[in-house]
Every structure is written in structure tokens, then in C-alpha cells.
């Protein structure tokens, strides 16, 4: 009697599988409620064509970015996540927290433009990422 466990082969582990949910024909995306209005320069506004008013939540995402944050920023994010859980009964992961923050920031930028939080904060930070003097 062998003491070695028998494991399935690679062809069994990596075989194609099918799921009833995956076999459904793709649905057409819903029509936008209101067409995007052209900006002053003739292009549609960035938010209208690229981001939802809310973060995308827990869905399968087809694009990925990597963002590096400082230790202090990571601790602040974790504290916010834990506060959301403890005081507001909202259980969210870091990805959802970041997606919601980006959605809020882009909506503010779309609505307020020059006076948006994004523009104001980026003006304070120099092109090298450090704060400008002044």
C-alpha cells in the first residue's frame, strides 16, 4: 500500500468546465438614461462615458491597476474600512473602498470642474509629487 496520495493529472485540473450561467447568451448593455452632453471642446465629459456614479461594487472586473500607497495611507484605509464595519454595518474590502472613492472623486470633478476637490488637491501637489511652496 502506497503512502503517497493520488492526485489528478494536469489535464483533469485544467480542463474546460461549463456553467449554466456562463452558457447564457450575452445581454445587450442597458441604454443610458440621458445621452452624454458634449463639453465645451466638443468631447463628451470623461465621467459620462467612463465611470458610473457609484463604484462598481462586487462584480467581475476586466481591468486591473496597481497602486502603491504609503504605510500611513494603508493604515488610514484599513481604519476607515473597520469603522465602516463597526459603526455603519458595512463590510467592504479595500478594492470596493477604492472604487467608491474614485467614483466620488470623479463625480465631483465632473460636476465642479475647476472647483473640484481633485483639481484643488492636485494644484497643491507639485509635478514631482511633493507639495509646492507658496
Protein backbone atom coordinates (compact mmCIF):
# COMPACT_ATOMS: atom_id res chain seq x y z
CA UNK A 1 0.00 0.00 0.00
CA UNK A 2 1.45 3.33 -1.08
CA UNK A 3 1.58 6.20 1.40
CA UNK A 4 1.54 8.70 -1.41
CA UNK A 5 -1.78 10.39 -2.16
CA UNK A 6 -3.08 10.03 -5.66
CA UNK A 7 -3.73 13.39 -7.26
CA UNK A 8 -5.48 14.20 -10.53
CA UNK A 9 -3.32 14.98 -13.53
CA UNK A 10 -2.84 18.41 -15.07
CA UNK A 11 -5.37 17.68 -17.83
CA UNK A 12 -8.02 16.99 -15.19
CA UNK A 13 -7.15 20.06 -13.12
CA UNK A 14 -7.10 22.45 -16.06
CA UNK A 15 -9.96 21.04 -18.14
CA UNK A 16 -12.60 23.34 -19.54
CA UNK A 17 -15.73 23.44 -17.45
CA UNK A 18 -19.16 24.75 -18.21
CA UNK A 19 -21.67 26.51 -16.03
CA UNK A 20 -25.32 27.19 -16.88
CA UNK A 21 -24.75 30.85 -16.02
CA UNK A 22 -21.84 31.01 -18.47
CA UNK A 23 -23.84 29.34 -21.27
CA UNK A 24 -26.42 32.15 -21.42
CA UNK A 25 -26.18 34.48 -24.42
CA UNK A 26 -24.68 37.86 -23.55
CA UNK A 27 -27.21 40.58 -22.83
CA UNK A 28 -27.02 43.95 -24.50
CA UNK A 29 -25.88 46.72 -22.15
CA UNK A 30 -28.70 48.93 -20.92
CA UNK A 31 -29.27 52.16 -22.82
CA UNK A 32 -28.07 55.27 -20.98
CA UNK A 33 -30.91 57.22 -19.40
CA UNK A 34 -29.56 60.50 -20.74
CA UNK A 35 -27.05 60.91 -23.58
CA UNK A 36 -23.74 62.46 -22.67
CA UNK A 37 -23.60 66.18 -23.35
CA UNK A 38 -20.60 67.45 -25.30
CA UNK A 39 -18.15 69.51 -23.29
CA UNK A 40 -17.09 72.97 -24.40
CA UNK A 41 -14.34 71.47 -26.57
CA UNK A 42 -16.70 69.05 -28.39
CA UNK A 43 -15.65 65.93 -26.48
CA UNK A 44 -18.02 64.15 -24.13
CA UNK A 45 -17.33 64.58 -20.47
CA UNK A 46 -15.00 61.96 -19.06
CA UNK A 47 -17.31 60.79 -16.30
CA UNK A 48 -20.30 60.40 -18.59
CA UNK A 49 -18.51 57.88 -20.78
CA UNK A 50 -16.16 56.11 -18.42
CA UNK A 51 -17.45 55.85 -14.87
CA UNK A 52 -20.68 55.04 -13.11
CA UNK A 53 -22.00 57.48 -10.50
CA UNK A 54 -21.26 54.79 -7.92
CA UNK A 55 -18.40 52.35 -7.61
CA UNK A 56 -18.90 49.08 -9.46
CA UNK A 57 -19.17 47.04 -6.26
CA UNK A 58 -18.52 43.32 -6.14
CA UNK A 59 -18.61 42.36 -9.79
CA UNK A 60 -16.08 40.73 -12.06
CA UNK A 61 -13.79 43.45 -13.33
CA UNK A 62 -11.97 43.18 -16.63
CA UNK A 63 -9.29 45.79 -15.96
CA UNK A 64 -6.70 45.99 -13.23
CA UNK A 65 -4.30 48.63 -12.00
CA UNK A 66 -1.69 48.53 -9.29
CA UNK A 67 -1.48 51.47 -6.91
CA UNK A 68 1.30 51.91 -4.39
CA UNK A 69 0.40 53.64 -1.14
CA UNK A 70 2.43 54.64 1.89
CA UNK A 71 2.16 52.71 5.13
CA UNK A 72 0.23 55.59 6.69
CA UNK A 73 -2.25 55.64 3.79
CA UNK A 74 -2.77 51.89 4.09
CA UNK A 75 -3.38 52.15 7.85
CA UNK A 76 -5.85 55.01 7.27
CA UNK A 77 -7.67 52.93 4.66
CA UNK A 78 -7.86 49.93 6.98
CA UNK A 79 -9.12 52.15 9.82
CA UNK A 80 -11.82 53.56 7.54
CA UNK A 81 -12.78 50.04 6.47
CA UNK A 82 -13.02 48.88 10.09
CA UNK A 83 -15.01 51.99 11.06
CA UNK A 84 -17.45 51.31 8.22
CA UNK A 85 -17.88 47.81 9.59
CA UNK A 86 -18.12 48.70 13.29
CA UNK A 87 -20.24 51.85 13.15
CA UNK A 88 -22.19 51.52 9.91
CA UNK A 89 -22.56 47.72 9.45
CA UNK A 90 -20.91 47.96 6.02
CA UNK A 91 -18.50 45.17 5.22
CA UNK A 92 -16.30 46.26 2.31
CA UNK A 93 -12.92 45.19 1.04
CA UNK A 94 -10.13 47.59 0.10
CA UNK A 95 -10.90 47.29 -3.60
CA UNK A 96 -14.51 48.35 -3.14
CA UNK A 97 -13.43 51.19 -0.86
CA UNK A 98 -11.03 52.45 -3.52
CA UNK A 99 -13.60 52.09 -6.34
CA UNK A 100 -16.17 54.08 -4.35
CA UNK A 101 -13.61 56.77 -3.51
CA UNK A 102 -12.63 57.07 -7.19
CA UNK A 103 -16.31 57.27 -8.23
CA UNK A 104 -16.96 60.06 -5.70
CA UNK A 105 -13.85 61.97 -6.77
CA UNK A 106 -14.69 61.68 -10.49
CA UNK A 107 -18.32 62.71 -9.92
CA UNK A 108 -17.14 65.78 -8.01
CA UNK A 109 -14.67 66.58 -10.81
CA UNK A 110 -17.39 66.19 -13.44
CA UNK A 111 -19.81 68.40 -11.53
CA UNK A 112 -17.43 71.08 -10.22
CA UNK A 113 -14.52 71.07 -12.69
CA UNK A 114 -12.13 73.85 -11.70
CA UNK A 115 -13.50 73.97 -8.15
CA UNK A 116 -13.44 70.19 -7.62
CA UNK A 117 -11.56 68.56 -4.76
CA UNK A 118 -9.34 66.77 -7.31
CA UNK A 119 -8.22 69.97 -9.05
CA UNK A 120 -7.69 71.79 -5.75
CA UNK A 121 -5.60 68.95 -4.27
CA UNK A 122 -3.54 68.46 -7.42
CA UNK A 123 -2.73 72.16 -7.51
CA UNK A 124 -1.20 71.88 -4.03
CA UNK A 125 0.98 68.94 -5.08
CA UNK A 126 3.82 69.71 -7.49
CA UNK A 127 4.58 67.73 -10.63
CA UNK A 128 7.15 65.69 -8.71
CA UNK A 129 4.51 64.57 -6.22
CA UNK A 130 5.83 66.83 -3.47
CA UNK A 131 3.98 69.79 -2.05
CA UNK A 132 4.64 73.13 -3.72
CA UNK A 133 5.91 76.08 -1.79
CA UNK A 134 3.89 79.11 -1.62
